Protein backbone atom coordinates (compact mmCIF):
# COMPACT_ATOMS: atom_id res chain seq x y z
CA MET A 1 0.14 9.38 18.18
CA LYS A 2 -2.08 8.17 15.28
CA LYS A 3 -2.38 4.65 14.08
CA ILE A 4 -2.42 4.49 10.21
CA LYS A 5 -3.62 1.71 8.06
CA VAL A 6 -1.18 1.61 4.91
CA THR A 7 -2.49 -0.50 1.74
CA ALA A 8 -0.47 -0.55 -1.31
CA ARG A 9 -1.31 -2.08 -4.60
CA PRO A 10 -0.59 -2.10 -8.24
CA MET A 11 -2.98 -1.49 -10.63
CA ILE A 12 -2.26 -4.51 -12.80
CA ILE A 13 -4.83 -5.40 -15.37
CA ASP A 14 -5.94 -9.38 -16.02
CA PRO A 15 -5.49 -9.58 -19.58
CA ALA A 16 -8.52 -12.48 -19.76
CA THR A 17 -11.00 -10.17 -18.26
CA GLY A 18 -9.59 -6.58 -18.81
CA LYS A 19 -10.14 -5.67 -14.87
CA SER A 20 -7.80 -5.07 -12.08
CA TYR A 21 -6.65 -8.09 -10.22
CA THR A 22 -8.70 -8.78 -7.08
CA VAL A 23 -6.81 -8.61 -3.58
CA SER A 24 -6.59 -12.42 -3.35
CA GLN A 25 -5.01 -12.57 -6.72
CA LEU A 26 -2.52 -9.97 -5.75
CA LEU A 27 -1.82 -11.72 -2.61
CA ALA A 28 -1.13 -14.82 -4.44
CA MET A 29 1.27 -13.02 -6.52
CA ASN A 30 2.76 -11.13 -3.81
CA CYS A 31 1.91 -8.12 -5.14
CA TYR A 32 0.09 -6.38 -2.19
CA PHE A 33 1.17 -4.62 0.80
CA GLN A 34 -1.02 -3.62 4.15
CA ASP A 35 0.33 -2.83 7.20
CA VAL A 36 -0.72 -0.65 10.49
CA ILE A 37 1.91 1.90 11.59
CA VAL A 38 1.97 4.36 14.56
CA VAL A 39 3.12 7.83 13.44
CA GLU A 40 3.05 11.09 14.95
CA ASP A 41 -0.02 13.28 14.81
CA SER A 42 1.57 15.74 12.26
CA TYR A 43 2.92 13.02 9.98
CA ASP A 44 3.50 13.72 6.28
CA LYS A 45 2.02 10.99 3.99
CA PHE A 46 4.82 11.70 1.19
CA ALA A 47 7.49 11.00 3.66
CA LEU A 48 5.83 7.88 5.17
CA ARG A 49 5.51 6.63 1.46
CA GLU A 50 9.19 7.30 0.95
CA GLU A 51 9.93 5.24 4.07
CA ILE A 52 8.00 2.39 3.23
CA VAL A 53 9.51 2.32 -0.32
CA GLY A 54 12.98 2.49 1.23
CA LYS A 55 11.96 -0.74 3.26
CA TYR A 56 10.23 -2.48 0.68
CA PRO A 57 11.38 -1.37 -2.94
CA GLU A 58 8.77 -3.41 -4.73
CA THR A 59 6.25 -1.04 -3.52
CA LYS A 60 7.86 1.74 -5.71
CA THR A 61 5.22 1.76 -8.40
CA TYR A 62 2.07 0.84 -6.01
CA ASN A 63 -0.78 3.12 -5.18
CA PHE A 64 -0.66 4.04 -1.73
CA LYS A 65 -3.93 4.66 0.60
CA PHE A 66 -3.59 5.97 4.15
CA GLU A 67 -6.37 5.87 6.55
CA GLU A 68 -6.47 6.67 10.39
CA ILE A 69 -8.00 4.16 12.57
CA GLU A 70 -8.86 4.23 16.16
């Protein structure tokens, strides 16, 4: 079993600055997802992403990052 840190966020551009919103701004807008999930050693990132999107449909257009943690 492995622990995976999942981070998902949209790449929304701030019209005032032309830069991507910061994590704190995305959290304020409820547009940021982060969780630690325990998975099998031979997990499939695509299947894991689809499972998360199934539970949290608002993450459908988000960019996902998966990191193995100790």
